[in-house]
Amino acid sequence: VSNQACHACPVACKIEVEVKDGKYKTKVESIEFESAWTFGANCLLS
């Protein structure tokens, strides 16, 4: 839904995502590579 930045940062690498309904409904920042991987490929969750 958006890219967020930290103080004085032009890169804005923080990805904010939203799951709008269902049992996984959420709105959360910081979908990092390591976080997506650790629950994803590491645990075979796609």
All heavy atoms as atom14 arrays in JSON, in Angstrom:
{
  "sequence": "VSNQACHACPVACKIEVEVKDGKYKTKVESIEFESAWTFGANCLLS",
  "atom14_mask": [
    [1, 1, 1, 1, 1, 1, 1, 0, 0, 0, 0, 0, 0, 0],
    [1, 1, 1, 1, 1, 1, 0, 0, 0, 0, 0, 0, 0, 0],
    [1, 1, 1, 1, 1, 1, 1, 1, 0, 0, 0, 0, 0, 0],
    [1, 1, 1, 1, 1, 1, 1, 1, 1, 0, 0, 0, 0, 0],
    [1, 1, 1, 1, 1, 0, 0, 0, 0, 0, 0, 0, 0, 0],
    [1, 1, 1, 1, 1, 1, 0, 0, 0, 0, 0, 0, 0, 0],
    [1, 1, 1, 1, 1, 1, 1, 1, 1, 1, 0, 0, 0, 0],
    [1, 1, 1, 1, 1, 0, 0, 0, 0, 0, 0, 0, 0, 0],
    [1, 1, 1, 1, 1, 1, 0, 0, 0, 0, 0, 0, 0, 0],
    [1, 1, 1, 1, 1, 1, 1, 0, 0, 0, 0, 0, 0, 0],
    [1, 1, 1, 1, 1, 1, 1, 0, 0, 0, 0, 0, 0, 0],
    [1, 1, 1, 1, 1, 0, 0, 0, 0, 0, 0, 0, 0, 0],
    [1, 1, 1, 1, 1, 1, 0, 0, 0, 0, 0, 0, 0, 0],
    [1, 1, 1, 1, 1, 1, 1, 1, 1, 0, 0, 0, 0, 0],
    [1, 1, 1, 1, 1, 1, 1, 1, 0, 0, 0, 0, 0, 0],
    [1, 1, 1, 1, 1, 1, 1, 1, 1, 0, 0, 0, 0, 0],
    [1, 1, 1, 1, 1, 1, 1, 0, 0, 0, 0, 0, 0, 0],
    [1, 1, 1, 1, 1, 1, 1, 1, 1, 0, 0, 0, 0, 0],
    [1, 1, 1, 1, 1, 1, 1, 0, 0, 0, 0, 0, 0, 0],
    [1, 1, 1, 1, 1, 1, 1, 1, 1, 0, 0, 0, 0, 0],
    [1, 1, 1, 1, 1, 1, 1, 1, 0, 0, 0, 0, 0, 0],
    [1, 1, 1, 1, 0, 0, 0, 0, 0, 0, 0, 0, 0, 0],
    [1, 1, 1, 1, 1, 1, 1, 1, 1, 0, 0, 0, 0, 0],
    [1, 1, 1, 1, 1, 1, 1, 1, 1, 1, 1, 1, 0, 0],
    [1, 1, 1, 1, 1, 1, 1, 1, 1, 0, 0, 0, 0, 0],
    [1, 1, 1, 1, 1, 1, 1, 0, 0, 0, 0, 0, 0, 0],
    [1, 1, 1, 1, 1, 1, 1, 1, 1, 0, 0, 0, 0, 0],
    [1, 1, 1, 1, 1, 1, 1, 0, 0, 0, 0, 0, 0, 0],
    [1, 1, 1, 1, 1, 1, 1, 1, 1, 0, 0, 0, 0, 0],
    [1, 1, 1, 1, 1, 1, 0, 0, 0, 0, 0, 0, 0, 0],
    [1, 1, 1, 1, 1, 1, 1, 1, 0, 0, 0, 0, 0, 0],
    [1, 1, 1, 1, 1, 1, 1, 1, 1, 0, 0, 0, 0, 0],
    [1, 1, 1, 1, 1, 1, 1, 1, 1, 1, 1, 0, 0, 0],
    [1, 1, 1, 1, 1, 1, 1, 1, 1, 0, 0, 0, 0, 0],
    [1, 1, 1, 1, 1, 1, 0, 0, 0, 0, 0, 0, 0, 0],
    [1, 1, 1, 1, 1, 0, 0, 0, 0, 0, 0, 0, 0, 0],
    [1, 1, 1, 1, 1, 1, 1, 1, 1, 1, 1, 1, 1, 1],
    [1, 1, 1, 1, 1, 1, 1, 0, 0, 0, 0, 0, 0, 0],
    [1, 1, 1, 1, 1, 1, 1, 1, 1, 1, 1, 0, 0, 0],
    [1, 1, 1, 1, 0, 0, 0, 0, 0, 0, 0, 0, 0, 0],
    [1, 1, 1, 1, 1, 0, 0, 0, 0, 0, 0, 0, 0, 0],
    [1, 1, 1, 1, 1, 1, 1, 1, 0, 0, 0, 0, 0, 0],
    [1, 1, 1, 1, 1, 1, 0, 0, 0, 0, 0, 0, 0, 0],
    [1, 1, 1, 1, 1, 1, 1, 1, 0, 0, 0, 0, 0, 0],
    [1, 1, 1, 1, 1, 1, 1, 1, 0, 0, 0, 0, 0, 0],
    [1, 1, 1, 1, 1, 1, 0, 0, 0, 0, 0, 0, 0, 0]
  ],
  "atom14_positions": [
    [[0.82, -1.21, 0.0], [0.0, 0.0, 0.0], [0.85, 1.27, 0.0], [0.4, 2.33, -0.41], [-0.98, 0.03, 1.19], [-2.04, -1.04, 1.02], [-0.27, -0.13, 2.52], [0.0, 0.0, 0.0], [0.0, 0.0, 0.0], [0.0, 0.0, 0.0], [0.0, 0.0, 0.0], [0.0, 0.0, 0.0], [0.0, 0.0, 0.0], [0.0, 0.0, 0.0]],
    [[2.1, 1.18, 0.49], [2.96, 2.36, 0.51], [4.41, 1.97, 0.78], [4.69, 0.86, 1.23], [2.5, 3.37, 1.57], [2.73, 2.85, 2.87], [0.0, 0.0, 0.0], [0.0, 0.0, 0.0], [0.0, 0.0, 0.0], [0.0, 0.0, 0.0], [0.0, 0.0, 0.0], [0.0, 0.0, 0.0], [0.0, 0.0, 0.0], [0.0, 0.0, 0.0]],
    [[5.3, 2.91, 0.49], [6.71, 2.8, 0.9], [6.96, 3.84, 1.98], [6.6, 5.02, 1.8], [7.65, 3.06, -0.28], [7.71, 1.89, -1.23], [6.69, 1.31, -1.58], [8.92, 1.53, -1.65], [0.0, 0.0, 0.0], [0.0, 0.0, 0.0], [0.0, 0.0, 0.0], [0.0, 0.0, 0.0], [0.0, 0.0, 0.0], [0.0, 0.0, 0.0]],
    [[7.57, 3.43, 3.07], [7.82, 4.33, 4.2], [9.32, 4.56, 4.36], [10.14, 3.69, 4.06], [7.25, 3.74, 5.48], [5.74, 3.52, 5.45], [4.97, 4.82, 5.36], [5.31, 5.8, 6.02], [3.93, 4.83, 4.55], [0.0, 0.0, 0.0], [0.0, 0.0, 0.0], [0.0, 0.0, 0.0], [0.0, 0.0, 0.0], [0.0, 0.0, 0.0]],
    [[9.67, 5.74, 4.87], [11.08, 6.11, 5.04], [11.4, 6.36, 6.5], [10.52, 6.68, 7.31], [11.4, 7.36, 4.22], [0.0, 0.0, 0.0], [0.0, 0.0, 0.0], [0.0, 0.0, 0.0], [0.0, 0.0, 0.0], [0.0, 0.0, 0.0], [0.0, 0.0, 0.0], [0.0, 0.0, 0.0], [0.0, 0.0, 0.0], [0.0, 0.0, 0.0]],
    [[12.65, 6.23, 6.82], [13.17, 6.63, 8.13], [13.64, 8.08, 8.04], [13.62, 8.69, 6.97], [14.33, 5.72, 8.55], [13.93, 3.96, 8.63], [0.0, 0.0, 0.0], [0.0, 0.0, 0.0], [0.0, 0.0, 0.0], [0.0, 0.0, 0.0], [0.0, 0.0, 0.0], [0.0, 0.0, 0.0], [0.0, 0.0, 0.0], [0.0, 0.0, 0.0]],
    [[14.1, 8.63, 9.15], [14.61, 10.0, 9.17], [15.68, 10.2, 8.1], [16.6, 9.39, 7.96], [15.2, 10.32, 10.56], [16.1, 11.52, 10.55], [15.62, 12.81, 10.44], [17.45, 11.62, 10.6], [16.64, 13.65, 10.44], [17.76, 12.96, 10.54], [0.0, 0.0, 0.0], [0.0, 0.0, 0.0], [0.0, 0.0, 0.0], [0.0, 0.0, 0.0]],
    [[15.55, 11.26, 7.35], [16.56, 11.73, 6.38], [16.93, 10.67, 5.35], [18.07, 10.61, 4.91], [17.82, 12.22, 7.12], [0.0, 0.0, 0.0], [0.0, 0.0, 0.0], [0.0, 0.0, 0.0], [0.0, 0.0, 0.0], [0.0, 0.0, 0.0], [0.0, 0.0, 0.0], [0.0, 0.0, 0.0], [0.0, 0.0, 0.0], [0.0, 0.0, 0.0]],
    [[15.96, 9.87, 4.95], [16.26, 8.81, 3.98], [15.46, 9.0, 2.7], [14.23, 9.0, 2.73], [15.96, 7.43, 4.57], [16.33, 6.1, 3.4], [0.0, 0.0, 0.0], [0.0, 0.0, 0.0], [0.0, 0.0, 0.0], [0.0, 0.0, 0.0], [0.0, 0.0, 0.0], [0.0, 0.0, 0.0], [0.0, 0.0, 0.0], [0.0, 0.0, 0.0]],
    [[16.15, 9.15, 1.56], [15.44, 9.28, 0.29], [15.05, 7.94, -0.34], [14.32, 7.91, -1.32], [16.48, 9.99, -0.59], [17.8, 9.51, -0.07], [17.61, 9.32, 1.42], [0.0, 0.0, 0.0], [0.0, 0.0, 0.0], [0.0, 0.0, 0.0], [0.0, 0.0, 0.0], [0.0, 0.0, 0.0], [0.0, 0.0, 0.0], [0.0, 0.0, 0.0]],
    [[15.55, 6.83, 0.22], [15.35, 5.52, -0.4], [13.96, 4.95, -0.13], [13.31, 4.39, -0.99], [16.44, 4.53, 0.06], [16.23, 3.16, -0.59], [17.83, 5.07, -0.26], [0.0, 0.0, 0.0], [0.0, 0.0, 0.0], [0.0, 0.0, 0.0], [0.0, 0.0, 0.0], [0.0, 0.0, 0.0], [0.0, 0.0, 0.0], [0.0, 0.0, 0.0]],
    [[13.48, 5.11, 1.11], [12.15, 4.61, 1.51], [11.99, 3.13, 1.2], [11.12, 2.72, 0.43], [11.04, 5.43, 0.85], [0.0, 0.0, 0.0], [0.0, 0.0, 0.0], [0.0, 0.0, 0.0], [0.0, 0.0, 0.0], [0.0, 0.0, 0.0], [0.0, 0.0, 0.0], [0.0, 0.0, 0.0], [0.0, 0.0, 0.0], [0.0, 0.0, 0.0]],
    [[12.82, 2.3, 1.83], [12.82, 0.87, 1.52], [11.81, 0.07, 2.34], [11.68, -1.14, 2.14], [14.22, 0.29, 1.75], [14.69, 0.11, 3.49], [0.0, 0.0, 0.0], [0.0, 0.0, 0.0], [0.0, 0.0, 0.0], [0.0, 0.0, 0.0], [0.0, 0.0, 0.0], [0.0, 0.0, 0.0], [0.0, 0.0, 0.0], [0.0, 0.0, 0.0]],
    [[11.11, 0.72, 3.29], [10.18, -0.01, 4.14], [8.83, -0.17, 3.43], [8.14, 0.82, 3.16], [9.99, 0.69, 5.49], [11.28, 0.8, 6.29], [11.92, -0.56, 6.5], [13.26, -0.44, 7.21], [13.97, -1.73, 7.28], [0.0, 0.0, 0.0], [0.0, 0.0, 0.0], [0.0, 0.0, 0.0], [0.0, 0.0, 0.0], [0.0, 0.0, 0.0]],
    [[8.47, -1.39, 3.15], [7.24, -1.69, 2.41], [6.1, -1.94, 3.4], [6.18, -2.82, 4.25], [7.43, -2.93, 1.52], [8.65, -2.74, 0.6], [6.17, -3.22, 0.73], [8.55, -1.58, -0.34], [0.0, 0.0, 0.0], [0.0, 0.0, 0.0], [0.0, 0.0, 0.0], [0.0, 0.0, 0.0], [0.0, 0.0, 0.0], [0.0, 0.0, 0.0]],
    [[5.04, -1.15, 3.27], [3.85, -1.35, 4.09], [2.85, -2.16, 3.27], [2.55, -1.81, 2.12], [3.24, -0.02, 4.5], [2.03, -0.17, 5.41], [1.44, 1.16, 5.82], [1.37, 2.07, 4.97], [1.06, 1.3, 6.99], [0.0, 0.0, 0.0], [0.0, 0.0, 0.0], [0.0, 0.0, 0.0], [0.0, 0.0, 0.0], [0.0, 0.0, 0.0]],
    [[2.33, -3.24, 3.85], [1.37, -4.08, 3.15], [0.07, -4.16, 3.94], [0.04, -3.9, 5.15], [1.92, -5.51, 2.91], [3.23, -5.46, 2.17], [2.06, -6.26, 4.22], [0.0, 0.0, 0.0], [0.0, 0.0, 0.0], [0.0, 0.0, 0.0], [0.0, 0.0, 0.0], [0.0, 0.0, 0.0], [0.0, 0.0, 0.0], [0.0, 0.0, 0.0]],
    [[-0.99, -4.51, 3.25], [-2.29, -4.65, 3.9], [-3.01, -5.88, 3.36], [-3.13, -6.07, 2.15], [-3.15, -3.41, 3.68], [-4.48, -3.47, 4.41], [-5.29, -2.19, 4.28], [-4.95, -1.35, 3.4], [-6.24, -2.02, 5.06], [0.0, 0.0, 0.0], [0.0, 0.0, 0.0], [0.0, 0.0, 0.0], [0.0, 0.0, 0.0], [0.0, 0.0, 0.0]],
    [[-3.45, -6.71, 4.29], [-4.37, -7.8, 3.98], [-5.74, -7.31, 4.45], [-5.95, -7.12, 5.65], [-3.97, -9.1, 4.7], [-4.96, -10.22, 4.37], [-2.55, -9.51, 4.33], [0.0, 0.0, 0.0], [0.0, 0.0, 0.0], [0.0, 0.0, 0.0], [0.0, 0.0, 0.0], [0.0, 0.0, 0.0], [0.0, 0.0, 0.0], [0.0, 0.0, 0.0]],
    [[-6.65, -7.08, 3.54], [-7.86, -6.32, 3.85], [-8.95, -7.13, 4.55], [-9.81, -6.56, 5.22], [-8.41, -5.68, 2.58], [-7.45, -4.62, 2.01], [-8.06, -3.89, 0.83], [-7.11, -2.8, 0.34], [-7.66, -2.04, -0.81], [0.0, 0.0, 0.0], [0.0, 0.0, 0.0], [0.0, 0.0, 0.0], [0.0, 0.0, 0.0], [0.0, 0.0, 0.0]],
    [[-8.93, -8.43, 4.4], [-9.96, -9.23, 5.08], [-9.47, -10.66, 5.25], [-8.39, -11.03, 4.82], [-11.28, -9.2, 4.29], [-11.1, -9.51, 2.82], [-10.28, -10.4, 2.5], [-11.75, -8.87, 1.99], [0.0, 0.0, 0.0], [0.0, 0.0, 0.0], [0.0, 0.0, 0.0], [0.0, 0.0, 0.0], [0.0, 0.0, 0.0], [0.0, 0.0, 0.0]],
    [[-10.29, -11.45, 5.92], [-9.93, -12.83, 6.17], [-9.2, -13.0, 7.49], [-8.97, -12.04, 8.23], [0.0, 0.0, 0.0], [0.0, 0.0, 0.0], [0.0, 0.0, 0.0], [0.0, 0.0, 0.0], [0.0, 0.0, 0.0], [0.0, 0.0, 0.0], [0.0, 0.0, 0.0], [0.0, 0.0, 0.0], [0.0, 0.0, 0.0], [0.0, 0.0, 0.0]],
    [[-8.81, -14.23, 7.79], [-8.21, -14.51, 9.1], [-6.81, -13.91, 9.24], [-6.3, -13.8, 10.36], [-8.15, -16.02, 9.33], [-7.35, -16.8, 8.3], [-7.44, -18.3, 8.58], [-6.74, -19.12, 7.5], [-6.87, -20.58, 7.78], [0.0, 0.0, 0.0], [0.0, 0.0, 0.0], [0.0, 0.0, 0.0], [0.0, 0.0, 0.0], [0.0, 0.0, 0.0]],
    [[-6.19, -13.5, 8.13], [-4.87, -12.88, 8.2], [-4.92, -11.36, 7.99], [-3.93, -10.75, 7.61], [-3.93, -13.53, 7.18], [-3.76, -15.02, 7.36], [-3.87, -15.89, 6.27], [-3.52, -15.57, 8.62], [-3.71, -17.26, 6.42], [-3.38, -16.94, 8.78], [-3.48, -17.77, 7.68], [-3.33, -19.13, 7.85], [0.0, 0.0, 0.0], [0.0, 0.0, 0.0]],
    [[-6.06, -10.79, 8.25], [-6.23, -9.35, 8.07], [-5.21, -8.59, 8.91], [-5.08, -8.79, 10.11], [-7.64, -8.94, 8.48], [-7.93, -7.44, 8.29], [-9.35, -7.1, 8.68], [-9.62, -5.61, 8.49], [-11.02, -5.25, 8.88], [0.0, 0.0, 0.0], [0.0, 0.0, 0.0], [0.0, 0.0, 0.0], [0.0, 0.0, 0.0], [0.0, 0.0, 0.0]],
    [[-4.47, -7.69, 8.24], [-3.46, -6.91, 8.95], [-2.97, -5.78, 8.06], [-3.17, -5.78, 6.85], [-2.25, -7.79, 9.33], [-1.35, -7.03, 10.13], [-1.5, -8.29, 8.11], [0.0, 0.0, 0.0], [0.0, 0.0, 0.0], [0.0, 0.0, 0.0], [0.0, 0.0, 0.0], [0.0, 0.0, 0.0], [0.0, 0.0, 0.0], [0.0, 0.0, 0.0]],
    [[-2.34, -4.82, 8.69], [-1.62, -3.76, 7.98], [-0.3, -3.57, 8.72], [-0.29, -3.23, 9.9], [-2.42, -2.45, 7.98], [-1.85, -1.38, 7.03], [-2.78, -0.18, 6.95], [-2.3, 0.82, 5.92], [-3.21, 1.99, 5.82], [0.0, 0.0, 0.0], [0.0, 0.0, 0.0], [0.0, 0.0, 0.0], [0.0, 0.0, 0.0], [0.0, 0.0, 0.0]],
    [[0.78, -3.84, 8.03], [2.07, -3.92, 8.72], [3.19, -3.41, 7.82], [3.17, -3.59, 6.61], [2.35, -5.38, 9.18], [2.43, -6.32, 7.99], [3.62, -5.46, 10.02], [0.0, 0.0, 0.0], [0.0, 0.0, 0.0], [0.0, 0.0, 0.0], [0.0, 0.0, 0.0], [0.0, 0.0, 0.0], [0.0, 0.0, 0.0], [0.0, 0.0, 0.0]],
    [[4.17, -2.74, 8.44], [5.36, -2.29, 7.74], [6.45, -3.35, 7.84], [6.34, -4.33, 8.57], [5.88, -0.99, 8.35], [5.23, 0.26, 7.79], [5.96, 1.52, 8.22], [7.2, 1.5, 8.23], [5.28, 2.49, 8.56], [0.0, 0.0, 0.0], [0.0, 0.0, 0.0], [0.0, 0.0, 0.0], [0.0, 0.0, 0.0], [0.0, 0.0, 0.0]],
    [[7.53, -3.08, 7.12], [8.76, -3.85, 7.26], [8.62, -5.31, 6.85], [8.92, -6.23, 7.61], [9.29, -3.75, 8.7], [9.55, -2.41, 9.06], [0.0, 0.0, 0.0], [0.0, 0.0, 0.0], [0.0, 0.0, 0.0], [0.0, 0.0, 0.0], [0.0, 0.0, 0.0], [0.0, 0.0, 0.0], [0.0, 0.0, 0.0], [0.0, 0.0, 0.0]],
    [[8.13, -5.53, 5.62], [8.16, -6.87, 5.04], [9.57, -7.07, 4.48], [9.82, -6.86, 3.29], [7.08, -7.05, 3.96], [5.7, -6.71, 4.53], [7.1, -8.47, 3.41], [5.23, -7.63, 5.65], [0.0, 0.0, 0.0], [0.0, 0.0, 0.0], [0.0, 0.0, 0.0], [0.0, 0.0, 0.0], [0.0, 0.0, 0.0], [0.0, 0.0, 0.0]],
    [[10.5, -7.42, 5.36], [11.89, -7.56, 4.97], [12.14, -8.91, 4.31], [11.4, -9.88, 4.51], [12.79, -7.42, 6.2], [12.59, -6.15, 7.01], [13.05, -4.89, 6.29], [13.71, -5.01, 5.24], [12.74, -3.79, 6.78], [0.0, 0.0, 0.0], [0.0, 0.0, 0.0], [0.0, 0.0, 0.0], [0.0, 0.0, 0.0], [0.0, 0.0, 0.0]],
    [[13.22, -8.98, 3.55], [13.64, -10.22, 2.9], [13.79, -11.35, 3.91], [13.23, -12.44, 3.75], [14.96, -9.97, 2.16], [15.65, -11.2, 1.66], [14.95, -12.19, 0.97], [17.02, -11.36, 1.83], [15.61, -13.32, 0.49], [17.67, -12.48, 1.36], [16.96, -13.48, 0.69], [0.0, 0.0, 0.0], [0.0, 0.0, 0.0], [0.0, 0.0, 0.0]],
    [[14.52, -11.08, 5.0], [14.76, -12.13, 6.0], [13.46, -12.58, 6.66], [13.27, -13.77, 6.94], [15.74, -11.65, 7.06], [17.19, -11.62, 6.6], [17.5, -10.42, 5.71], [16.71, -9.45, 5.72], [18.52, -10.47, 5.0], [0.0, 0.0, 0.0], [0.0, 0.0, 0.0], [0.0, 0.0, 0.0], [0.0, 0.0, 0.0], [0.0, 0.0, 0.0]],
    [[12.57, -11.65, 6.94], [11.31, -11.99, 7.61], [10.41, -12.81, 6.7], [9.79, -13.79, 7.13], [10.59, -10.72, 8.07], [11.37, -9.99, 8.98], [0.0, 0.0, 0.0], [0.0, 0.0, 0.0], [0.0, 0.0, 0.0], [0.0, 0.0, 0.0], [0.0, 0.0, 0.0], [0.0, 0.0, 0.0], [0.0, 0.0, 0.0], [0.0, 0.0, 0.0]],
    [[10.32, -12.41, 5.42], [9.5, -13.17, 4.47], [10.09, -14.57, 4.26], [9.36, -15.56, 4.2], [9.41, -12.43, 3.14], [0.0, 0.0, 0.0], [0.0, 0.0, 0.0], [0.0, 0.0, 0.0], [0.0, 0.0, 0.0], [0.0, 0.0, 0.0], [0.0, 0.0, 0.0], [0.0, 0.0, 0.0], [0.0, 0.0, 0.0], [0.0, 0.0, 0.0]],
    [[11.42, -14.63, 4.17], [12.07, -15.93, 3.96], [11.93, -16.87, 5.16], [11.68, -18.06, 5.0], [13.57, -15.73, 3.68], [14.36, -16.94, 3.99], [14.51, -18.05, 3.2], [15.06, -17.22, 5.21], [15.27, -19.0, 3.86], [15.62, -18.5, 5.08], [15.28, -16.5, 6.39], [16.39, -19.09, 6.1], [16.04, -17.06, 7.41], [16.57, -18.35, 7.26]],
    [[12.11, -16.35, 6.38], [12.17, -17.23, 7.55], [10.86, -17.99, 7.75], [10.87, -19.14, 8.18], [12.56, -16.44, 8.81], [12.98, -17.36, 9.84], [11.41, -15.59, 9.35], [0.0, 0.0, 0.0], [0.0, 0.0, 0.0], [0.0, 0.0, 0.0], [0.0, 0.0, 0.0], [0.0, 0.0, 0.0], [0.0, 0.0, 0.0], [0.0, 0.0, 0.0]],
    [[9.72, -17.35, 7.41], [8.44, -18.05, 7.47], [8.07, -18.67, 6.12], [7.21, -19.55, 6.05], [7.33, -17.08, 7.89], [7.57, -16.45, 9.23], [7.53, -15.07, 9.39], [7.84, -17.22, 10.34], [7.76, -14.48, 10.62], [8.07, -16.65, 11.58], [8.04, -15.28, 11.72], [0.0, 0.0, 0.0], [0.0, 0.0, 0.0], [0.0, 0.0, 0.0]],
    [[8.74, -18.2, 5.06], [8.45, -18.67, 3.71], [9.23, -19.92, 3.36], [8.93, -21.02, 3.8], [0.0, 0.0, 0.0], [0.0, 0.0, 0.0], [0.0, 0.0, 0.0], [0.0, 0.0, 0.0], [0.0, 0.0, 0.0], [0.0, 0.0, 0.0], [0.0, 0.0, 0.0], [0.0, 0.0, 0.0], [0.0, 0.0, 0.0], [0.0, 0.0, 0.0]],
    [[10.28, -19.76, 2.55], [11.06, -20.91, 2.08], [11.6, -21.75, 3.23], [11.65, -22.98, 3.15], [12.21, -20.43, 1.19], [0.0, 0.0, 0.0], [0.0, 0.0, 0.0], [0.0, 0.0, 0.0], [0.0, 0.0, 0.0], [0.0, 0.0, 0.0], [0.0, 0.0, 0.0], [0.0, 0.0, 0.0], [0.0, 0.0, 0.0], [0.0, 0.0, 0.0]],
    [[12.0, -21.1, 4.29], [12.56, -21.82, 5.44], [11.56, -22.82, 6.04], [11.94, -23.89, 6.51], [13.01, -20.82, 6.5], [13.66, -21.48, 7.7], [14.5, -22.35, 7.56], [13.26, -21.05, 8.89], [0.0, 0.0, 0.0], [0.0, 0.0, 0.0], [0.0, 0.0, 0.0], [0.0, 0.0, 0.0], [0.0, 0.0, 0.0], [0.0, 0.0, 0.0]],
    [[10.27, -22.45, 6.01], [9.22, -23.3, 6.57], [8.27, -23.86, 5.51], [7.23, -24.43, 5.84], [8.41, -22.51, 7.61], [9.34, -22.04, 9.07], [0.0, 0.0, 0.0], [0.0, 0.0, 0.0], [0.0, 0.0, 0.0], [0.0, 0.0, 0.0], [0.0, 0.0, 0.0], [0.0, 0.0, 0.0], [0.0, 0.0, 0.0], [0.0, 0.0, 0.0]],
    [[8.61, -23.64, 4.24], [7.78, -24.09, 3.11], [6.36, -23.52, 3.17], [5.37, -24.2, 2.9], [7.71, -25.62, 3.04], [9.04, -26.36, 2.86], [8.78, -27.85, 2.6], [9.86, -25.77, 1.71], [0.0, 0.0, 0.0], [0.0, 0.0, 0.0], [0.0, 0.0, 0.0], [0.0, 0.0, 0.0], [0.0, 0.0, 0.0], [0.0, 0.0, 0.0]],
    [[6.27, -22.22, 3.48], [5.0, -21.5, 3.48], [5.02, -20.48, 2.36], [5.85, -19.57, 2.36], [4.78, -20.81, 4.84], [3.54, -19.92, 4.96], [2.26, -20.71, 4.78], [3.54, -19.19, 6.32], [0.0, 0.0, 0.0], [0.0, 0.0, 0.0], [0.0, 0.0, 0.0], [0.0, 0.0, 0.0], [0.0, 0.0, 0.0], [0.0, 0.0, 0.0]],
    [[4.09, -20.62, 1.39], [4.1, -19.74, 0.22], [2.97, -18.71, 0.24], [2.84, -17.93, -0.71], [4.0, -20.56, -1.06], [2.81, -21.34, -1.08], [0.0, 0.0, 0.0], [0.0, 0.0, 0.0], [0.0, 0.0, 0.0], [0.0, 0.0, 0.0], [0.0, 0.0, 0.0], [0.0, 0.0, 0.0], [0.0, 0.0, 0.0], [0.0, 0.0, 0.0]]
  ]
}
